Protein backbone atom coordinates (compact mmCIF):
# COMPACT_ATOMS: atom_id res chain seq x y z
CA MET A 1 48.94 -30.37 36.44
CA VAL A 2 52.42 -31.09 37.81
CA PRO A 3 54.89 -31.64 34.93
CA SER A 4 56.43 -35.09 34.56
CA LEU A 5 60.16 -35.77 34.78
CA HIS A 6 60.33 -36.15 31.00
CA GLU A 7 58.67 -32.75 30.52
CA VAL A 8 61.02 -31.09 32.99
CA ILE A 9 64.11 -32.57 31.30
CA PHE A 10 62.99 -31.78 27.73
CA PHE A 11 61.85 -28.27 28.66
CA SER A 12 65.06 -27.55 30.59
CA LEU A 13 67.21 -28.67 27.65
CA PHE A 14 65.13 -26.48 25.33
CA LEU A 15 65.55 -23.42 27.55
CA LEU A 16 69.28 -24.13 27.90
CA PHE A 17 69.59 -24.19 24.11
CA ILE A 18 67.64 -20.94 23.79
CA PHE A 19 69.74 -19.07 26.33
CA LEU A 20 72.97 -20.42 24.83
CA MET A 21 71.87 -19.10 21.42
CA LEU A 22 70.99 -15.72 22.92
CA ALA A 23 74.30 -15.56 24.81
CA LEU A 24 76.16 -16.45 21.61
CA ASP A 25 74.23 -13.78 19.73
CA LEU A 26 74.95 -11.11 22.34
CA GLY A 27 78.53 -12.07 23.18
CA VAL A 28 79.91 -13.00 19.76
CA PHE A 29 77.77 -11.67 16.92
CA SER A 30 76.59 -8.38 18.46
CA ARG A 31 79.67 -6.88 20.04
CA LYS A 32 79.63 -3.99 17.61
CA GLN A 33 76.51 -1.82 17.55
CA HIS A 34 75.46 -1.39 13.92
CA LYS A 35 72.48 -1.57 11.61
CA PRO A 36 72.51 -4.91 9.74
CA GLY A 37 72.16 -4.60 5.99
CA PHE A 38 69.75 -6.58 3.82
CA GLY A 39 72.27 -9.36 3.20
CA GLU A 40 73.07 -9.87 6.89
CA ALA A 41 69.39 -9.73 7.86
CA LEU A 42 68.47 -12.25 5.16
CA THR A 43 71.28 -14.60 6.25
CA TRP A 44 70.25 -14.56 9.90
CA THR A 45 66.59 -14.93 8.96
CA CYS A 46 67.49 -18.08 7.02
CA VAL A 47 69.58 -19.33 9.97
CA TRP A 48 66.72 -18.97 12.46
CA VAL A 49 64.16 -20.44 10.07
CA GLY A 50 66.57 -23.31 9.41
CA ILE A 51 66.97 -24.02 13.15
CA SER A 52 63.17 -23.95 13.51
CA VAL A 53 62.80 -26.47 10.68
CA VAL A 54 65.42 -28.75 12.28
CA PHE A 55 63.35 -28.68 15.46
CA TYR A 56 60.34 -29.76 13.38
CA PHE A 57 62.22 -32.89 12.31
CA LEU A 58 63.30 -33.46 15.91
CA ILE A 59 59.67 -33.48 17.03
CA LYS A 60 58.67 -35.65 14.09
CA SER A 61 61.18 -38.31 15.13
CA HIS A 62 61.21 -37.93 18.93
CA GLY A 63 58.18 -35.78 19.83
CA ASN A 64 56.83 -38.42 22.20
CA LEU A 65 59.82 -37.76 24.48
CA ILE A 66 58.39 -34.34 25.38
CA HIS A 67 55.79 -35.96 27.61
CA GLY A 68 57.47 -39.33 27.96
CA SER A 69 54.71 -41.02 25.94
CA ASP A 70 56.23 -44.39 25.11
CA THR A 71 53.18 -46.62 25.60
CA TRP A 72 49.84 -46.78 23.78
CA GLU A 73 48.00 -45.75 26.96
CA ALA A 74 50.25 -42.71 27.50
CA ILE A 75 49.85 -41.55 23.91
CA GLN A 76 46.08 -41.99 24.03
CA GLU A 77 45.91 -39.98 27.26
CA ARG A 78 47.79 -37.09 25.61
CA ILE A 79 45.58 -37.24 22.53
CA VAL A 80 42.45 -36.95 24.67
CA ARG A 81 43.84 -34.29 27.03
CA PHE A 82 45.10 -31.98 24.32
CA ASN A 83 42.37 -32.80 21.79
CA HIS A 84 44.75 -33.85 19.01
CA PRO A 85 42.81 -34.55 15.74
CA ILE A 86 44.18 -38.09 15.35
CA SER A 87 43.20 -41.62 16.34
CA ILE A 88 45.36 -44.59 17.31
CA ALA A 89 42.45 -46.95 17.92
CA GLY A 90 43.33 -50.53 17.03
CA LEU A 91 47.07 -49.96 17.46
CA GLU A 92 47.28 -51.20 21.04
CA ASN A 93 49.81 -53.84 19.98
CA GLN A 94 51.60 -51.60 17.49
CA VAL A 95 53.13 -48.97 19.73
CA ASP A 96 55.78 -47.91 17.21
CA GLN A 97 53.12 -47.08 14.63
CA ALA A 98 51.06 -45.21 17.24
CA ILE A 99 54.14 -43.18 18.19
CA GLN A 100 54.80 -42.41 14.53
CA ILE A 101 51.24 -41.09 14.01
CA TYR A 102 51.42 -39.07 17.23
CA ASN A 103 54.84 -37.56 16.43
CA LYS A 104 53.85 -36.67 12.87
CA ASN A 105 50.77 -34.78 14.08
CA LEU A 106 52.75 -33.10 16.88
CA ALA A 107 55.35 -31.91 14.36
CA LEU A 108 52.64 -30.55 12.03
CA GLU A 109 51.03 -28.70 14.93
CA TYR A 110 54.38 -27.16 15.80
CA LEU A 111 55.06 -26.17 12.17
CA THR A 112 51.58 -24.67 11.73
CA GLY A 113 51.83 -22.78 15.02
CA TYR A 114 55.28 -21.51 14.07
CA LEU A 115 54.03 -20.31 10.69
CA ILE A 116 51.12 -18.47 12.30
CA GLU A 117 53.32 -16.85 14.95
CA TYR A 118 56.09 -15.92 12.52
CA SER A 119 53.61 -14.41 10.05
CA LEU A 120 51.89 -12.36 12.72
CA SER A 121 55.33 -11.20 13.89
CA VAL A 122 55.50 -9.08 10.74
CA ASP A 123 52.72 -6.88 12.10
CA ASN A 124 54.58 -6.67 15.40
CA VAL A 125 57.68 -5.58 13.50
CA PHE A 126 55.78 -2.63 12.00
CA VAL A 127 54.80 -1.56 15.53
CA ILE A 128 58.41 -1.77 16.73
CA ILE A 129 59.59 0.26 13.75
CA MET A 130 57.00 2.90 14.63
CA ILE A 131 58.26 2.95 18.24
CA PHE A 132 61.88 3.42 17.18
CA LEU A 133 60.99 6.20 14.75
CA SER A 134 58.72 8.00 17.23
CA PHE A 135 61.45 8.03 19.90
CA SER A 136 64.20 8.87 17.38
CA VAL A 137 66.31 5.87 18.40
CA LYS A 138 69.58 5.65 16.50
CA GLN A 139 69.65 2.64 14.19
CA LYS A 140 72.93 1.35 15.64
CA TYR A 141 71.10 0.70 18.95
CA TYR A 142 68.25 -1.29 17.39
CA LYS A 143 69.97 -4.67 17.83
CA LYS A 144 70.64 -4.20 21.55
CA VAL A 145 67.10 -3.07 22.34
CA LEU A 146 65.63 -5.91 20.30
CA PHE A 147 67.87 -8.47 22.03
CA TRP A 148 66.68 -7.54 25.52
CA GLY A 149 63.15 -7.15 24.23
CA ILE A 150 63.23 -10.71 22.92
CA LEU A 151 64.64 -12.02 26.21
CA GLY A 152 61.79 -10.37 28.10
CA ALA A 153 59.27 -11.72 25.58
CA VAL A 154 60.49 -15.30 26.21
CA VAL A 155 59.73 -14.95 29.93
CA MET A 156 56.33 -13.33 29.40
CA ARG A 157 55.27 -15.87 26.76
CA PHE A 158 56.11 -18.68 29.20
CA ILE A 159 53.77 -17.18 31.80
CA PHE A 160 51.02 -16.33 29.29
CA ILE A 161 51.02 -19.69 27.47
CA PHE A 162 50.99 -21.98 30.49
CA ALA A 163 48.43 -19.81 32.31
CA ALA A 164 46.18 -19.93 29.24
CA SER A 165 46.68 -23.69 28.97
CA ALA A 166 45.65 -24.15 32.59
CA LEU A 167 42.45 -22.17 31.92
CA ILE A 168 41.68 -24.21 28.80
CA GLN A 169 42.21 -27.49 30.64
CA GLN A 170 39.93 -26.31 33.42
CA PHE A 171 37.32 -24.60 31.25
CA SER A 172 37.09 -26.00 27.70
CA TRP A 173 34.72 -23.20 26.66
CA PHE A 174 37.58 -20.72 27.20
CA LEU A 175 38.74 -21.54 23.66
CA THR A 176 35.61 -19.87 22.30
CA VAL A 177 36.61 -16.68 24.13
CA PHE A 178 39.92 -16.82 22.28
CA GLY A 179 38.03 -17.49 19.04
CA VAL A 180 35.74 -14.49 19.41
CA LEU A 181 38.72 -12.31 20.31
CA LEU A 182 40.60 -13.39 17.20
CA VAL A 183 37.62 -12.75 14.92
CA ILE A 184 37.26 -9.25 16.38
CA LEU A 185 40.99 -8.55 15.96
CA GLY A 186 40.90 -9.91 12.40
CA ILE A 187 37.98 -7.65 11.46
CA LYS A 188 39.72 -4.69 13.11
CA MET A 189 42.93 -5.35 11.19
CA GLY A 190 40.98 -5.66 7.94
CA TYR A 191 39.17 -2.39 8.66
CA GLU A 192 42.50 -0.65 9.24
CA PHE A 193 43.79 -2.01 5.92
CA PHE A 194 40.85 -0.76 3.84
CA THR A 195 40.48 2.58 5.60
CA LYS A 196 44.24 3.13 5.96
CA LYS A 197 43.38 3.99 9.55
CA ASN A 198 46.45 3.21 11.59
CA GLU A 199 48.54 5.14 14.07
CA ASP A 200 51.70 6.33 12.33
CA VAL A 201 53.37 8.00 15.30
CA ILE A 202 53.38 7.59 19.06
CA ASP A 203 52.82 10.41 21.51
CA THR A 204 56.12 10.00 23.34
CA ASP A 205 54.97 12.09 26.30
CA ARG A 206 51.49 10.65 26.84
CA HIS A 207 52.19 6.97 26.17
CA PRO A 208 50.92 4.96 29.20
CA VAL A 209 54.29 3.26 29.73
CA VAL A 210 56.11 6.62 29.71
CA ARG A 211 53.60 8.10 32.14
CA PHE A 212 53.84 5.07 34.45
CA ALA A 213 57.64 5.06 34.44
CA SER A 214 57.82 8.82 34.97
CA ARG A 215 55.52 8.53 37.97
CA TRP A 216 57.27 5.69 39.76
CA PHE A 217 60.89 6.00 38.64
CA SER A 218 63.47 8.70 38.05
CA VAL A 219 63.69 9.27 34.30
CA THR A 220 66.28 11.37 32.52
CA ARG A 221 65.40 13.03 29.22
CA GLU A 222 69.01 13.33 28.16
CA ASP A 223 70.52 11.05 25.55
CA HIS A 224 72.98 8.57 27.09
CA GLY A 225 73.72 6.47 24.04
CA GLU A 226 73.25 2.74 24.49
CA LYS A 227 72.92 2.90 28.30
CA PHE A 228 69.65 1.80 29.89
CA TRP A 229 70.28 3.60 33.15
CA VAL A 230 72.76 6.13 34.57
CA ARG A 231 73.69 7.35 38.02
CA LYS A 232 73.63 11.07 38.81
CA ASN A 233 74.66 12.41 42.20
CA GLY A 234 74.23 8.94 43.67
CA LYS A 235 70.72 8.52 42.21
CA LEU A 236 69.78 5.95 39.55
CA PHE A 237 67.94 7.25 36.48
CA ILE A 238 66.18 5.43 33.62
CA THR A 239 67.33 6.58 30.18
CA PRO A 240 65.08 7.19 27.14
CA LEU A 241 66.47 4.00 25.56
CA PHE A 242 65.22 1.95 28.51
CA LEU A 243 61.79 3.56 28.12
CA VAL A 244 61.78 2.37 24.51
CA LEU A 245 62.59 -1.16 25.72
CA LEU A 246 59.69 -1.02 28.21
CA ILE A 247 57.31 0.14 25.47
CA ILE A 248 58.41 -2.71 23.19
CA GLU A 249 57.78 -5.21 26.01
CA PHE A 250 54.35 -3.66 26.55
CA ALA A 251 53.63 -3.92 22.81
CA ASP A 252 54.64 -7.59 22.85
CA VAL A 253 52.15 -8.28 25.65
CA LEU A 254 49.40 -6.77 23.50
CA PHE A 255 50.68 -8.69 20.48
CA ALA A 256 50.58 -11.96 22.44
CA VAL A 257 46.85 -11.44 23.03
CA ASP A 258 46.19 -12.32 19.39
CA SER A 259 49.20 -14.46 18.44
CA VAL A 260 49.12 -16.94 21.34
CA PRO A 261 45.37 -17.71 21.07
CA ALA A 262 45.89 -18.15 17.32
CA VAL A 263 48.38 -20.95 17.97
CA PHE A 264 46.01 -22.51 20.52
CA SER A 265 43.60 -22.89 17.60
CA VAL A 266 46.06 -25.42 16.17
CA THR A 267 47.16 -27.25 19.30
CA GLN A 268 46.21 -27.23 22.98
CA ASP A 269 49.55 -28.72 24.01
CA PRO A 270 51.22 -25.82 25.87
CA TYR A 271 54.71 -27.13 25.14
CA ILE A 272 54.13 -27.12 21.39
CA VAL A 273 52.58 -23.64 21.65
CA PHE A 274 55.61 -22.44 23.61
CA PHE A 275 58.15 -24.00 21.24
CA SER A 276 56.50 -22.48 18.15
CA ASN A 277 56.23 -19.08 19.85
CA ILE A 278 59.82 -18.99 21.05
CA PHE A 279 61.35 -19.96 17.72
CA ALA A 280 59.29 -17.25 16.02
CA ILE A 281 60.40 -14.71 18.65
CA LEU A 282 64.06 -15.70 18.28
CA GLY A 283 63.83 -14.92 14.58
CA LEU A 284 62.12 -11.60 15.22
CA ARG A 285 65.27 -9.48 15.32
CA SER A 286 66.60 -10.62 11.94
CA LEU A 287 63.05 -10.41 10.56
CA PHE A 288 62.86 -6.82 11.82
CA PHE A 289 65.86 -5.71 9.75
CA LEU A 290 64.66 -7.72 6.76
CA VAL A 291 61.20 -6.12 6.90
CA MET A 292 62.77 -2.67 7.17
CA ASN A 293 64.29 -3.24 3.73
CA VAL A 294 61.17 -4.67 2.05
CA MET A 295 58.30 -3.24 4.12
CA ASN A 296 56.76 -1.44 1.14
CA ARG A 297 56.78 -4.47 -1.16
CA PHE A 298 54.07 -6.57 0.51
CA GLN A 299 51.21 -4.13 0.93
CA TYR A 300 48.56 -6.88 1.01
CA LEU A 301 50.22 -8.87 3.79
CA LYS A 302 48.24 -7.03 6.47
CA LEU A 303 45.01 -8.07 4.74
CA GLY A 304 46.30 -11.64 4.65
CA LEU A 305 47.03 -11.52 8.38
CA ALA A 306 43.52 -10.18 9.00
CA LEU A 307 42.03 -13.13 7.09
CA LEU A 308 44.34 -15.52 8.97
CA LEU A 309 43.18 -14.26 12.38
CA THR A 310 39.54 -14.41 11.30
CA PHE A 311 39.96 -17.96 9.98
CA VAL A 312 41.62 -19.37 13.10
CA GLY A 313 39.06 -17.58 15.31
CA LEU A 314 36.12 -19.04 13.40
CA LYS A 315 37.83 -22.44 13.42
CA MET A 316 38.03 -22.39 17.23
CA ILE A 317 34.38 -21.36 17.60
CA LEU A 318 33.00 -23.84 15.05
CA HIS A 319 35.13 -26.67 16.43
CA PHE A 320 33.80 -26.07 19.95
CA LEU A 321 30.24 -26.10 18.60
CA GLY A 322 30.95 -29.37 16.79
CA TRP A 323 30.27 -27.88 13.36
CA LEU A 324 33.79 -28.10 11.95
CA HIS A 325 36.62 -30.60 12.35
CA LEU A 326 39.78 -29.83 10.40
CA THR A 327 42.91 -31.94 10.50
CA THR A 328 46.22 -30.26 11.27
CA SER A 329 47.29 -30.76 7.63
CA ASN A 330 44.13 -29.03 6.32
CA SER A 331 44.66 -26.09 8.67
CA LEU A 332 48.27 -25.77 7.53
CA ILE A 333 47.23 -25.80 3.85
CA ILE A 334 44.59 -23.08 4.39
CA ILE A 335 46.99 -20.88 6.38
CA VAL A 336 49.78 -21.22 3.81
CA SER A 337 47.28 -20.46 1.02
CA ILE A 338 46.10 -17.26 2.73
CA LEU A 339 49.64 -15.99 3.26
CA ALA A 340 50.81 -17.03 -0.22
CA ALA A 341 47.81 -15.33 -1.87
CA SER A 342 48.44 -12.05 0.00
CA MET A 343 52.13 -12.06 -0.95
CA LEU A 344 51.40 -13.00 -4.57
CA ALA A 345 48.82 -10.19 -4.81
CA SER A 346 51.47 -7.78 -3.49
CA ILE A 347 54.02 -8.95 -6.08
CA VAL A 348 51.50 -8.61 -8.91
CA GLN A 349 50.52 -5.14 -7.69
CA ASN A 350 54.17 -4.07 -7.66
CA MET A 351 54.59 -5.28 -11.24
CA ILE A 352 51.81 -3.02 -12.49
CA PRO A 353 53.29 0.28 -13.75
CA LYS A 354 52.22 3.21 -11.62
CA LYS A 355 50.42 6.03 -13.37
CA THR A 356 52.36 9.27 -13.56
CA ASN A 357 50.94 12.69 -14.08
CA GLU A 358 52.05 14.04 -17.44
CA SER A 359 52.92 17.69 -17.39
CA GLY A 360 51.80 20.08 -20.10
């Protein structure tokens, strides 16, 4: 469907804000290549979470402006099209109240989607850490690679989300495909947690991205610091650091296969899915450095993420079959409970004294 003028304006302003924030980050706060400490990472994590929460209140008060829904008929059309779990029946002459109900639900969908995406980002962070360690990337270059990785992720999420939305609008049963996929991924993640079966290192020579780049581009194996490409004898070469960036982008595509459908379990409005995804992605870099400092303290978080994926997958399947109808608030409560339980279990586990072997 062709976007309306309101959608174009709101979306353009959102993208302008995002790119201004990224430009500010790159041009002002990241001039010096260094590894952020725990304090800096925590501060920036709070900043990005704070901005995301402010956007929640913006949607709660003016969410109807996204689609230009300022009449009862327009709001009802959006509710039906995107299958929002609310009703404004009987409010034909009370447009302000209808808008309030619509905006409140839209804001809750955004917040729930953001929480899902941000939580699943932790697993993506572990993958990125593994990539950096496998390719022996110096820690002072982490911020630069992550910045450009995030910029690429914004573009790819835009394509993925709106393509998926078009499929869902055309074929409603496509949501069940997402649901089945999420259940499978949740079970797989749970299996990896209990069996401790997970890839700890990457074969830097046989990785598909490395093999593809080596076949189609000129790649230098020499270390060129923070440069992504160099010119030798008039010929352009890709550096190992650029290969790392390509692998991170490839990993994000795979990550989006489970995270984006998970958000579609909460809302079918592609704009809300996109907003929640992008704010979670923007906070990924600070989250990365924060997780690096506390990655061993939440050992049950992966199990919590497995349960989260399984829950949202089953929710999509059962909702399509007409066997389950959860409000956005109920979904948010269940998701928060799963994550809180996994983190609390980790804290309790860390408080239990570890057994030591006594000598003699």
